[in-house]
């Protein structure tokens, strides 16, 4: 049986709405753990994607915003599953970018 990586609880909490994200960031400040930091950065990127989707829906194009919204939801579900199954993986291409862009979270 796989042993859960340090920070798994924080990683899963990060995906529980935006409030869970802030709770995980606060918990990870005291004792940073690489697994949790990876998933916190990933969730921050997904939250920004969701924000862009909502702005697109209301101000640019409803259909494009809806499409981006559901893509964000699918990426969120995939990332949550990766955190729950002890994998330090996320959305292909985007998760790597999130790790380099959001260094202030680590």
PDB file of N, CA and C in Angstrom:
ATOM      1  N   UNK A   1       0.840  -1.176   0.000  1.00  0.00           N
ATOM      2  CA  UNK A   1       0.000   0.000   0.000  1.00  0.00           C
ATOM      3  C   UNK A   1       0.885   1.240   0.000  1.00  0.00           C
ATOM      4  N   UNK A   2       0.506   2.243  -0.800  1.00  0.00           N
ATOM      5  CA  UNK A   2       1.293   3.474  -0.877  1.00  0.00           C
ATOM      6  C   UNK A   2       1.148   4.293   0.392  1.00  0.00           C
ATOM      7  N   UNK A   3       2.274   4.781   0.866  1.00  0.00           N
ATOM      8  CA  UNK A   3       2.256   5.665   2.021  1.00  0.00           C
ATOM      9  C   UNK A   3       1.921   7.069   1.522  1.00  0.00           C
ATOM     10  N   UNK A   4       1.021   7.733   2.210  1.00  0.00           N
ATOM     11  CA  UNK A   4       0.609   9.083   1.807  1.00  0.00           C
ATOM     12  C   UNK A   4       1.787  10.042   1.955  1.00  0.00           C
ATOM     13  N   UNK A   5       2.016  10.885   0.949  1.00  0.00           N
ATOM     14  CA  UNK A   5       3.114  11.851   1.038  1.00  0.00           C
ATOM     15  C   UNK A   5       2.817  12.923   2.082  1.00  0.00           C
ATOM     16  N   UNK A   6       3.871  13.504   2.612  1.00  0.00           N
ATOM     17  CA  UNK A   6       3.694  14.592   3.568  1.00  0.00           C
ATOM     18  C   UNK A   6       2.972  15.735   2.876  1.00  0.00           C
ATOM     19  N   UNK A   7       1.933  16.230   3.486  1.00  0.00           N
ATOM     20  CA  UNK A   7       1.186  17.344   2.916  1.00  0.00           C
ATOM     21  C   UNK A   7      -0.033  16.931   2.117  1.00  0.00           C
ATOM     22  N   UNK A   8      -0.383  15.649   2.128  1.00  0.00           N
ATOM     23  CA  UNK A   8      -1.532  15.204   1.344  1.00  0.00           C
ATOM     24  C   UNK A   8      -2.815  15.878   1.809  1.00  0.00           C
ATOM     25  N   UNK A   9      -3.003  15.987   3.103  1.00  0.00           N
ATOM     26  CA  UNK A   9      -4.214  16.619   3.627  1.00  0.00           C
ATOM     27  C   UNK A   9      -4.320  18.060   3.153  1.00  0.00           C
ATOM     28  N   UNK A  10      -3.219  18.779   3.208  1.00  0.00           N
ATOM     29  CA  UNK A  10      -3.213  20.169   2.741  1.00  0.00           C
ATOM     30  C   UNK A  10      -3.521  20.239   1.247  1.00  0.00           C
ATOM     31  N   UNK A  11      -2.982  19.304   0.487  1.00  0.00           N
ATOM     32  CA  UNK A  11      -3.194  19.284  -0.961  1.00  0.00           C
ATOM     33  C   UNK A  11      -4.667  19.068  -1.293  1.00  0.00           C
ATOM     34  N   UNK A  12      -5.303  18.141  -0.609  1.00  0.00           N
ATOM     35  CA  UNK A  12      -6.721  17.871  -0.866  1.00  0.00           C
ATOM     36  C   UNK A  12      -7.580  19.042  -0.408  1.00  0.00           C
ATOM     37  N   UNK A  13      -7.250  19.615   0.748  1.00  0.00           N
ATOM     38  CA  UNK A  13      -8.000  20.773   1.249  1.00  0.00           C
ATOM     39  C   UNK A  13      -7.914  21.935   0.256  1.00  0.00           C
ATOM     40  N   UNK A  14      -6.787  22.096  -0.404  1.00  0.00           N
ATOM     41  CA  UNK A  14      -6.615  23.199  -1.364  1.00  0.00           C
ATOM     42  C   UNK A  14      -7.655  23.156  -2.472  1.00  0.00           C
ATOM     43  N   UNK A  15      -8.144  21.984  -2.816  1.00  0.00           N
ATOM     44  CA  UNK A  15      -9.112  21.850  -3.893  1.00  0.00           C
ATOM     45  C   UNK A  15     -10.559  21.986  -3.433  1.00  0.00           C
ATOM     46  N   UNK A  16     -10.781  22.189  -2.133  1.00  0.00           N
ATOM     47  CA  UNK A  16     -12.139  22.339  -1.619  1.00  0.00           C
ATOM     48  C   UNK A  16     -12.503  23.825  -1.660  1.00  0.00           C
ATOM     49  N   UNK A  17     -13.007  24.284  -2.747  1.00  0.00           N
ATOM     50  CA  UNK A  17     -13.392  25.674  -3.028  1.00  0.00           C
ATOM     51  C   UNK A  17     -12.242  26.649  -2.774  1.00  0.00           C
ATOM     52  N   UNK A  18     -12.509  27.906  -2.980  1.00  0.00           N
ATOM     53  CA  UNK A  18     -11.456  28.901  -2.776  1.00  0.00           C
ATOM     54  C   UNK A  18     -11.149  29.088  -1.295  1.00  0.00           C
ATOM     55  N   UNK A  19     -12.093  28.810  -0.423  1.00  0.00           N
ATOM     56  CA  UNK A  19     -11.843  28.908   1.019  1.00  0.00           C
ATOM     57  C   UNK A  19     -10.839  27.839   1.441  1.00  0.00           C
ATOM     58  N   UNK A  20     -10.991  26.635   0.917  1.00  0.00           N
ATOM     59  CA  UNK A  20     -10.040  25.563   1.190  1.00  0.00           C
ATOM     60  C   UNK A  20      -8.651  25.925   0.700  1.00  0.00           C
ATOM     61  N   UNK A  21      -8.590  26.628  -0.423  1.00  0.00           N
ATOM     62  CA  UNK A  21      -7.301  27.088  -0.953  1.00  0.00           C
ATOM     63  C   UNK A  21      -6.605  27.984   0.080  1.00  0.00           C
ATOM     64  N   UNK A  22      -7.329  28.955   0.626  1.00  0.00           N
ATOM     65  CA  UNK A  22      -6.731  29.862   1.612  1.00  0.00           C
ATOM     66  C   UNK A  22      -6.352  29.134   2.898  1.00  0.00           C
ATOM     67  N   UNK A  23      -7.155  28.167   3.302  1.00  0.00           N
ATOM     68  CA  UNK A  23      -6.832  27.373   4.493  1.00  0.00           C
ATOM     69  C   UNK A  23      -5.546  26.581   4.251  1.00  0.00           C
ATOM     70  N   UNK A  24      -5.430  25.962   3.074  1.00  0.00           N
ATOM     71  CA  UNK A  24      -4.231  25.171   2.756  1.00  0.00           C
ATOM     72  C   UNK A  24      -2.987  26.056   2.690  1.00  0.00           C
ATOM     73  N   UNK A  25      -3.117  27.244   2.115  1.00  0.00           N
ATOM     74  CA  UNK A  25      -1.976  28.176   2.056  1.00  0.00           C
ATOM     75  C   UNK A  25      -1.530  28.527   3.467  1.00  0.00           C
ATOM     76  N   UNK A  26      -2.470  28.821   4.335  1.00  0.00           N
ATOM     77  CA  UNK A  26      -2.148  29.172   5.725  1.00  0.00           C
ATOM     78  C   UNK A  26      -1.493  28.000   6.450  1.00  0.00           C
ATOM     79  N   UNK A  27      -2.037  26.803   6.260  1.00  0.00           N
ATOM     80  CA  UNK A  27      -1.466  25.618   6.906  1.00  0.00           C
ATOM     81  C   UNK A  27      -0.061  25.330   6.387  1.00  0.00           C
ATOM     82  N   UNK A  28       0.184  25.593   5.121  1.00  0.00           N
ATOM     83  CA  UNK A  28       1.473  25.273   4.505  1.00  0.00           C
ATOM     84  C   UNK A  28       2.546  26.308   4.841  1.00  0.00           C
ATOM     85  N   UNK A  29       2.161  27.467   5.336  1.00  0.00           N
ATOM     86  CA  UNK A  29       3.142  28.504   5.703  1.00  0.00           C
ATOM     87  C   UNK A  29       3.991  28.058   6.896  1.00  0.00           C
ATOM     88  N   UNK A  30       3.372  27.397   7.865  1.00  0.00           N
ATOM     89  CA  UNK A  30       4.093  26.975   9.071  1.00  0.00           C
ATOM     90  C   UNK A  30       5.154  25.931   8.765  1.00  0.00           C
ATOM     91  N   UNK A  31       4.762  24.917   8.023  1.00  0.00           N
ATOM     92  CA  UNK A  31       5.690  23.837   7.684  1.00  0.00           C
ATOM     93  C   UNK A  31       5.474  23.478   6.211  1.00  0.00           C
ATOM     94  N   UNK A  32       6.188  24.153   5.298  1.00  0.00           N
ATOM     95  CA  UNK A  32       5.986  23.893   3.871  1.00  0.00           C
ATOM     96  C   UNK A  32       6.360  22.463   3.478  1.00  0.00           C
ATOM     97  N   UNK A  33       5.506  21.860   2.682  1.00  0.00           N
ATOM     98  CA  UNK A  33       5.751  20.518   2.170  1.00  0.00           C
ATOM     99  C   UNK A  33       5.578  20.555   0.656  1.00  0.00           C
ATOM    100  N   UNK A  34       6.490  19.935  -0.054  1.00  0.00           N
ATOM    101  CA  UNK A  34       6.545  20.027  -1.514  1.00  0.00           C
ATOM    102  C   UNK A  34       5.265  19.539  -2.184  1.00  0.00           C
ATOM    103  N   UNK A  35       4.702  18.449  -1.700  1.00  0.00           N
ATOM    104  CA  UNK A  35       3.479  17.902  -2.300  1.00  0.00           C
ATOM    105  C   UNK A  35       2.331  18.904  -2.180  1.00  0.00           C
ATOM    106  N   UNK A  36       2.179  19.476  -0.999  1.00  0.00           N
ATOM    107  CA  UNK A  36       1.116  20.460  -0.785  1.00  0.00           C
ATOM    108  C   UNK A  36       1.365  21.718  -1.594  1.00  0.00           C
ATOM    109  N   UNK A  37       2.593  22.185  -1.642  1.00  0.00           N
ATOM    110  CA  UNK A  37       2.926  23.394  -2.395  1.00  0.00           C
ATOM    111  C   UNK A  37       2.603  23.216  -3.871  1.00  0.00           C
ATOM    112  N   UNK A  38       2.929  22.054  -4.426  1.00  0.00           N
ATOM    113  CA  UNK A  38       2.618  21.776  -5.833  1.00  0.00           C
ATOM    114  C   UNK A  38       1.126  21.928  -6.089  1.00  0.00           C
ATOM    115  N   UNK A  39       0.310  21.318  -5.245  1.00  0.00           N
ATOM    116  CA  UNK A  39      -1.137  21.339  -5.464  1.00  0.00           C
ATOM    117  C   UNK A  39      -1.755  22.703  -5.126  1.00  0.00           C
ATOM    118  N   UNK A  40      -1.177  23.424  -4.199  1.00  0.00           N
ATOM    119  CA  UNK A  40      -1.657  24.776  -3.903  1.00  0.00           C
ATOM    120  C   UNK A  40      -1.427  25.688  -5.108  1.00  0.00           C
ATOM    121  N   UNK A  41      -0.243  25.615  -5.702  1.00  0.00           N
ATOM    122  CA  UNK A  41       0.038  26.420  -6.893  1.00  0.00           C
ATOM    123  C   UNK A  41      -0.886  26.023  -8.039  1.00  0.00           C
ATOM    124  N   UNK A  42      -1.134  24.734  -8.177  1.00  0.00           N
ATOM    125  CA  UNK A  42      -2.021  24.254  -9.225  1.00  0.00           C
ATOM    126  C   UNK A  42      -3.439  24.793  -9.025  1.00  0.00           C
ATOM    127  N   UNK A  43      -3.928  24.752  -7.804  1.00  0.00           N
ATOM    128  CA  UNK A  43      -5.275  25.247  -7.529  1.00  0.00           C
ATOM    129  C   UNK A  43      -5.363  26.751  -7.756  1.00  0.00           C
ATOM    130  N   UNK A  44      -4.317  27.488  -7.429  1.00  0.00           N
ATOM    131  CA  UNK A  44      -4.321  28.930  -7.670  1.00  0.00           C
ATOM    132  C   UNK A  44      -4.489  29.208  -9.173  1.00  0.00           C
ATOM    133  N   UNK A  45      -3.765  28.470  -9.987  1.00  0.00           N
ATOM    134  CA  UNK A  45      -3.902  28.616 -11.438  1.00  0.00           C
ATOM    135  C   UNK A  45      -5.301  28.259 -11.918  1.00  0.00           C
ATOM    136  N   UNK A  46      -5.883  27.215 -11.345  1.00  0.00           N
ATOM    137  CA  UNK A  46      -7.236  26.826 -11.734  1.00  0.00           C
ATOM    138  C   UNK A  46      -8.259  27.867 -11.297  1.00  0.00           C
ATOM    139  N   UNK A  47      -8.051  28.478 -10.140  1.00  0.00           N
ATOM    140  CA  UNK A  47      -8.940  29.553  -9.703  1.00  0.00           C
ATOM    141  C   UNK A  47      -8.852  30.754 -10.642  1.00  0.00           C
ATOM    142  N   UNK A  48      -7.654  31.067 -11.092  1.00  0.00           N
ATOM    143  CA  UNK A  48      -7.509  32.162 -12.059  1.00  0.00           C
ATOM    144  C   UNK A  48      -8.196  31.815 -13.382  1.00  0.00           C
ATOM    145  N   UNK A  49      -8.078  30.553 -13.811  1.00  0.00           N
ATOM    146  CA  UNK A  49      -8.781  30.114 -15.027  1.00  0.00           C
ATOM    147  C   UNK A  49     -10.286  30.273 -14.871  1.00  0.00           C
ATOM    148  N   UNK A  50     -10.789  29.932 -13.711  1.00  0.00           N
ATOM    149  CA  UNK A  50     -12.221  30.057 -13.443  1.00  0.00           C
ATOM    150  C   UNK A  50     -12.647  31.521 -13.464  1.00  0.00           C
ATOM    151  N   UNK A  51     -11.831  32.384 -12.892  1.00  0.00           N
ATOM    152  CA  UNK A  51     -12.123  33.821 -12.911  1.00  0.00           C
ATOM    153  C   UNK A  51     -12.166  34.346 -14.344  1.00  0.00           C
ATOM    154  N   UNK A  52     -11.218  33.941 -15.161  1.00  0.00           N
ATOM    155  CA  UNK A  52     -11.200  34.342 -16.574  1.00  0.00           C
ATOM    156  C   UNK A  52     -12.448  33.814 -17.279  1.00  0.00           C
ATOM    157  N   UNK A  53     -12.872  32.606 -16.964  1.00  0.00           N
ATOM    158  CA  UNK A  53     -14.072  32.030 -17.575  1.00  0.00           C
ATOM    159  C   UNK A  53     -15.316  32.848 -17.233  1.00  0.00           C
ATOM    160  N   UNK A  54     -15.440  33.252 -15.982  1.00  0.00           N
ATOM    161  CA  UNK A  54     -16.611  34.029 -15.555  1.00  0.00           C
ATOM    162  C   UNK A  54     -16.605  35.411 -16.215  1.00  0.00           C
ATOM    163  N   UNK A  55     -15.457  36.056 -16.260  1.00  0.00           N
ATOM    164  CA  UNK A  55     -15.358  37.358 -16.916  1.00  0.00           C
ATOM    165  C   UNK A  55     -15.687  37.218 -18.404  1.00  0.00           C
ATOM    166  N   UNK A  56     -15.207  36.157 -19.024  1.00  0.00           N
ATOM    167  CA  UNK A  56     -15.497  35.914 -20.433  1.00  0.00           C
ATOM    168  C   UNK A  56     -16.994  35.694 -20.649  1.00  0.00           C
ATOM    169  N   UNK A  57     -17.623  34.935 -19.770  1.00  0.00           N
ATOM    170  CA  UNK A  57     -19.061  34.677 -19.884  1.00  0.00           C
ATOM    171  C   UNK A  57     -19.868  35.977 -19.878  1.00  0.00           C
ATOM    172  N   UNK A  58     -19.560  36.860 -18.956  1.00  0.00           N
ATOM    173  CA  UNK A  58     -20.391  38.039 -18.770  1.00  0.00           C
ATOM    174  C   UNK A  58     -20.007  39.235 -19.630  1.00  0.00           C
ATOM    175  N   UNK A  59     -18.765  39.303 -20.088  1.00  0.00           N
ATOM    176  CA  UNK A  59     -18.326  40.507 -20.780  1.00  0.00           C
ATOM    177  C   UNK A  59     -17.844  40.306 -22.213  1.00  0.00           C
ATOM    178  N   UNK A  60     -17.561  39.067 -22.607  1.00  0.00           N
ATOM    179  CA  UNK A  60     -17.004  38.864 -23.943  1.00  0.00           C
ATOM    180  C   UNK A  60     -17.921  37.980 -24.781  1.00  0.00           C
ATOM    181  N   UNK A  61     -18.039  36.707 -24.408  1.00  0.00           N
ATOM    182  CA  UNK A  61     -18.828  35.773 -25.194  1.00  0.00           C
ATOM    183  C   UNK A  61     -19.336  34.673 -24.279  1.00  0.00           C
ATOM    184  N   UNK A  62     -20.636  34.512 -24.220  1.00  0.00           N
ATOM    185  CA  UNK A  62     -21.243  33.537 -23.324  1.00  0.00           C
ATOM    186  C   UNK A  62     -20.790  32.115 -23.621  1.00  0.00           C
ATOM    187  N   UNK A  63     -20.799  31.721 -24.875  1.00  0.00           N
ATOM    188  CA  UNK A  63     -20.427  30.355 -25.239  1.00  0.00           C
ATOM    189  C   UNK A  63     -18.962  30.064 -24.930  1.00  0.00           C
ATOM    190  N   UNK A  64     -18.078  30.996 -25.263  1.00  0.00           N
ATOM    191  CA  UNK A  64     -16.648  30.807 -24.972  1.00  0.00           C
ATOM    192  C   UNK A  64     -16.422  30.733 -23.464  1.00  0.00           C
ATOM    193  N   UNK A  65     -17.120  31.566 -22.712  1.00  0.00           N
ATOM    194  CA  UNK A  65     -17.002  31.541 -21.254  1.00  0.00           C
ATOM    195  C   UNK A  65     -17.492  30.239 -20.662  1.00  0.00           C
ATOM    196  N   UNK A  66     -18.621  29.742 -21.187  1.00  0.00           N
ATOM    197  CA  UNK A  66     -19.147  28.456 -20.719  1.00  0.00           C
ATOM    198  C   UNK A  66     -18.166  27.327 -21.001  1.00  0.00           C
ATOM    199  N   UNK A  67     -17.605  27.330 -22.189  1.00  0.00           N
ATOM    200  CA  UNK A  67     -16.638  26.303 -22.563  1.00  0.00           C
ATOM    201  C   UNK A  67     -15.412  26.346 -21.636  1.00  0.00           C
ATOM    202  N   UNK A  68     -14.882  27.522 -21.411  1.00  0.00           N
ATOM    203  CA  UNK A  68     -13.722  27.669 -20.523  1.00  0.00           C
ATOM    204  C   UNK A  68     -14.076  27.277 -19.088  1.00  0.00           C
ATOM    205  N   UNK A  69     -15.291  27.604 -18.664  1.00  0.00           N
ATOM    206  CA  UNK A  69     -15.749  27.241 -17.326  1.00  0.00           C
ATOM    207  C   UNK A  69     -15.737  25.716 -17.150  1.00  0.00           C
ATOM    208  N   UNK A  70     -16.317  24.994 -18.094  1.00  0.00           N
ATOM    209  CA  UNK A  70     -16.401  23.536 -17.955  1.00  0.00           C
ATOM    210  C   UNK A  70     -15.047  22.866 -18.128  1.00  0.00           C
ATOM    211  N   UNK A  71     -14.175  23.467 -18.906  1.00  0.00           N
ATOM    212  CA  UNK A  71     -12.803  22.954 -18.998  1.00  0.00           C
ATOM    213  C   UNK A  71     -12.109  23.135 -17.647  1.00  0.00           C
ATOM    214  N   UNK A  72     -12.316  24.271 -17.006  1.00  0.00           N
ATOM    215  CA  UNK A  72     -11.731  24.527 -15.681  1.00  0.00           C
ATOM    216  C   UNK A  72     -12.246  23.526 -14.655  1.00  0.00           C
ATOM    217  N   UNK A  73     -13.535  23.229 -14.710  1.00  0.00           N
ATOM    218  CA  UNK A  73     -14.127  22.263 -13.780  1.00  0.00           C
ATOM    219  C   UNK A  73     -13.524  20.868 -14.010  1.00  0.00           C
ATOM    220  N   UNK A  74     -13.355  20.486 -15.264  1.00  0.00           N
ATOM    221  CA  UNK A  74     -12.755  19.175 -15.569  1.00  0.00           C
ATOM    222  C   UNK A  74     -11.310  19.116 -15.070  1.00  0.00           C
ATOM    223  N   UNK A  75     -10.551  20.180 -15.282  1.00  0.00           N
ATOM    224  CA  UNK A  75      -9.161  20.234 -14.795  1.00  0.00           C
ATOM    225  C   UNK A  75      -9.126  20.169 -13.273  1.00  0.00           C
ATOM    226  N   UNK A  76     -10.082  20.842 -12.618  1.00  0.00           N
ATOM    227  CA  UNK A  76     -10.149  20.818 -11.154  1.00  0.00           C
ATOM    228  C   UNK A  76     -10.404  19.389 -10.660  1.00  0.00           C
ATOM    229  N   UNK A  77     -11.370  18.694 -11.282  1.00  0.00           N
ATOM    230  CA  UNK A  77     -11.701  17.326 -10.866  1.00  0.00           C
ATOM    231  C   UNK A  77     -10.501  16.403 -11.070  1.00  0.00           C
ATOM    232  N   UNK A  78      -9.816  16.555 -12.196  1.00  0.00           N
ATOM    233  CA  UNK A  78      -8.635  15.740 -12.471  1.00  0.00           C
ATOM    234  C   UNK A  78      -7.542  16.005 -11.433  1.00  0.00           C
ATOM    235  N   UNK A  79      -7.307  17.269 -11.125  1.00  0.00           N
ATOM    236  CA  UNK A  79      -6.261  17.628 -10.166  1.00  0.00           C
ATOM    237  C   UNK A  79      -6.600  17.147  -8.762  1.00  0.00           C
ATOM    238  N   UNK A  80      -7.861  17.242  -8.379  1.00  0.00           N
ATOM    239  CA  UNK A  80      -8.294  16.726  -7.079  1.00  0.00           C
ATOM    240  C   UNK A  80      -8.060  15.221  -7.007  1.00  0.00           C
ATOM    241  N   UNK A  81      -8.375  14.516  -8.078  1.00  0.00           N
ATOM    242  CA  UNK A  81      -8.144  13.069  -8.114  1.00  0.00           C
ATOM    243  C   UNK A  81      -6.655  12.750  -7.983  1.00  0.00           C
ATOM    244  N   UNK A  82      -5.806  13.532  -8.614  1.00  0.00           N
ATOM    245  CA  UNK A  82      -4.357  13.312  -8.514  1.00  0.00           C
ATOM    246  C   UNK A  82      -3.873  13.522  -7.077  1.00  0.00           C
ATOM    247  N   UNK A  83      -4.368  14.566  -6.422  1.00  0.00           N
ATOM    248  CA  UNK A  83      -3.975  14.817  -5.025  1.00  0.00           C
ATOM    249  C   UNK A  83      -4.478  13.695  -4.114  1.00  0.00           C
ATOM    250  N   UNK A  84      -5.692  13.237  -4.342  1.00  0.00           N
ATOM    251  CA  UNK A  84      -6.274  12.190  -3.500  1.00  0.00           C
ATOM    252  C   UNK A  84      -5.576  10.846  -3.686  1.00  0.00           C
ATOM    253  N   UNK A  85      -4.990  10.625  -4.868  1.00  0.00           N
ATOM    254  CA  UNK A  85      -4.308   9.351  -5.133  1.00  0.00           C
ATOM    255  C   UNK A  85      -2.789   9.462  -4.971  1.00  0.00           C
ATOM    256  N   UNK A  86      -2.343  10.472  -4.250  1.00  0.00           N
ATOM    257  CA  UNK A  86      -0.927  10.645  -3.893  1.00  0.00           C
ATOM    258  C   UNK A  86      -0.012  10.903  -5.086  1.00  0.00           C
ATOM    259  N   UNK A  87      -0.523  11.528  -6.126  1.00  0.00           N
ATOM    260  CA  UNK A  87       0.296  11.801  -7.305  1.00  0.00           C
ATOM    261  C   UNK A  87       0.600  13.283  -7.402  1.00  0.00           C
ATOM    262  N   UNK A  88       1.859  13.573  -7.647  1.00  0.00           N
ATOM    263  CA  UNK A  88       2.285  14.959  -7.821  1.00  0.00           C
ATOM    264  C   UNK A  88       2.183  15.276  -9.314  1.00  0.00           C
ATOM    265  N   UNK A  89       0.952  15.287  -9.786  1.00  0.00           N
ATOM    266  CA  UNK A  89       0.678  15.536 -11.201  1.00  0.00           C
ATOM    267  C   UNK A  89      -0.553  16.423 -11.282  1.00  0.00           C
ATOM    268  N   UNK A  90      -0.649  17.114 -12.369  1.00  0.00           N
ATOM    269  CA  UNK A  90      -1.799  17.975 -12.581  1.00  0.00           C
ATOM    270  C   UNK A  90      -2.119  18.019 -14.054  1.00  0.00           C
ATOM    271  N   UNK A  91      -2.677  19.122 -14.466  1.00  0.00           N
ATOM    272  CA  UNK A  91      -3.062  19.310 -15.855  1.00  0.00           C
ATOM    273  C   UNK A  91      -1.793  19.370 -16.709  1.00  0.00           C
ATOM    274  N   UNK A  92      -1.722  18.566 -17.771  1.00  0.00           N
ATOM    275  CA  UNK A  92      -0.535  18.623 -18.630  1.00  0.00           C
ATOM    276  C   UNK A  92      -0.290  20.044 -19.141  1.00  0.00           C
ATOM    277  N   UNK A  93       0.957  20.422 -19.228  1.00  0.00           N
ATOM    278  CA  UNK A  93       1.443  21.728 -19.663  1.00  0.00           C
ATOM    279  C   UNK A  93       1.104  22.839 -18.670  1.00  0.00           C
ATOM    280  N   UNK A  94      -0.166  23.031 -18.328  1.00  0.00           N
ATOM    281  CA  UNK A  94      -0.553  24.146 -17.459  1.00  0.00           C
ATOM    282  C   UNK A  94       0.033  24.032 -16.060  1.00  0.00           C
ATOM    283  N   UNK A  95       0.026  22.837 -15.482  1.00  0.00           N
ATOM    284  CA  UNK A  95       0.541  22.680 -14.122  1.00  0.00           C
ATOM    285  C   UNK A  95       2.022  23.041 -14.033  1.00  0.00           C
ATOM    286  N   UNK A  96       2.787  22.693 -15.079  1.00  0.00           N
ATOM    287  CA  UNK A  96       4.209  23.082 -15.085  1.00  0.00           C
ATOM    288  C   UNK A  96       4.346  24.603 -15.123  1.00  0.00           C
ATOM    289  N   UNK A  97       3.512  25.249 -15.899  1.00  0.00           N
ATOM    290  CA  UNK A  97       3.535  26.716 -15.971  1.00  0.00           C
ATOM    291  C   UNK A  97       3.130  27.321 -14.640  1.00  0.00           C
ATOM    292  N   UNK A  98       2.096  26.762 -14.017  1.00  0.00           N
ATOM    293  CA  UNK A  98       1.652  27.263 -12.714  1.00  0.00           C
ATOM    294  C   UNK A  98       2.785  27.192 -11.689  1.00  0.00           C
ATOM    295  N   UNK A  99       3.582  26.124 -11.756  1.00  0.00           N
ATOM    296  CA  UNK A  99       4.684  25.965 -10.797  1.00  0.00           C
ATOM    297  C   UNK A  99       5.754  27.042 -10.981  1.00  0.00           C
ATOM    298  N   UNK A 100       5.989  27.462 -12.205  1.00  0.00           N
ATOM    299  CA  UNK A 100       7.010  28.501 -12.441  1.00  0.00           C
ATOM    300  C   UNK A 100       6.451  29.903 -12.231  1.00  0.00           C
ATOM    301  N   UNK A 101       5.185  30.124 -12.542  1.00  0.00           N
ATOM    302  CA  UNK A 101       4.592  31.452 -12.418  1.00  0.00           C
ATOM    303  C   UNK A 101       4.304  31.843 -10.974  1.00  0.00           C
ATOM    304  N   UNK A 102       3.872  30.914 -10.162  1.00  0.00           N
ATOM    305  CA  UNK A 102       3.382  31.240  -8.823  1.00  0.00           C
ATOM    306  C   UNK A 102       4.365  30.861  -7.722  1.00  0.00           C
ATOM    307  N   UNK A 103       5.605  31.295  -7.900  1.00  0.00           N
ATOM    308  CA  UNK A 103       6.643  30.978  -6.914  1.00  0.00           C
ATOM    309  C   UNK A 103       6.391  31.649  -5.572  1.00  0.00           C
ATOM    310  N   UNK A 104       5.604  32.708  -5.545  1.00  0.00           N
ATOM    311  CA  UNK A 104       5.316  33.403  -4.293  1.00  0.00           C
ATOM    312  C   UNK A 104       4.468  32.538  -3.346  1.00  0.00           C
ATOM    313  N   UNK A 105       3.889  31.468  -3.837  1.00  0.00           N
ATOM    314  CA  UNK A 105       3.102  30.564  -2.994  1.00  0.00           C
ATOM    315  C   UNK A 105       3.953  29.457  -2.373  1.00  0.00           C
ATOM    316  N   UNK A 106       5.177  29.364  -2.746  1.00  0.00           N
ATOM    317  CA  UNK A 106       6.017  28.276  -2.245  1.00  0.00           C
ATOM    318  C   UNK A 106       7.066  28.795  -1.400  1.00  0.00           C
TER     319      UNK A 106
END
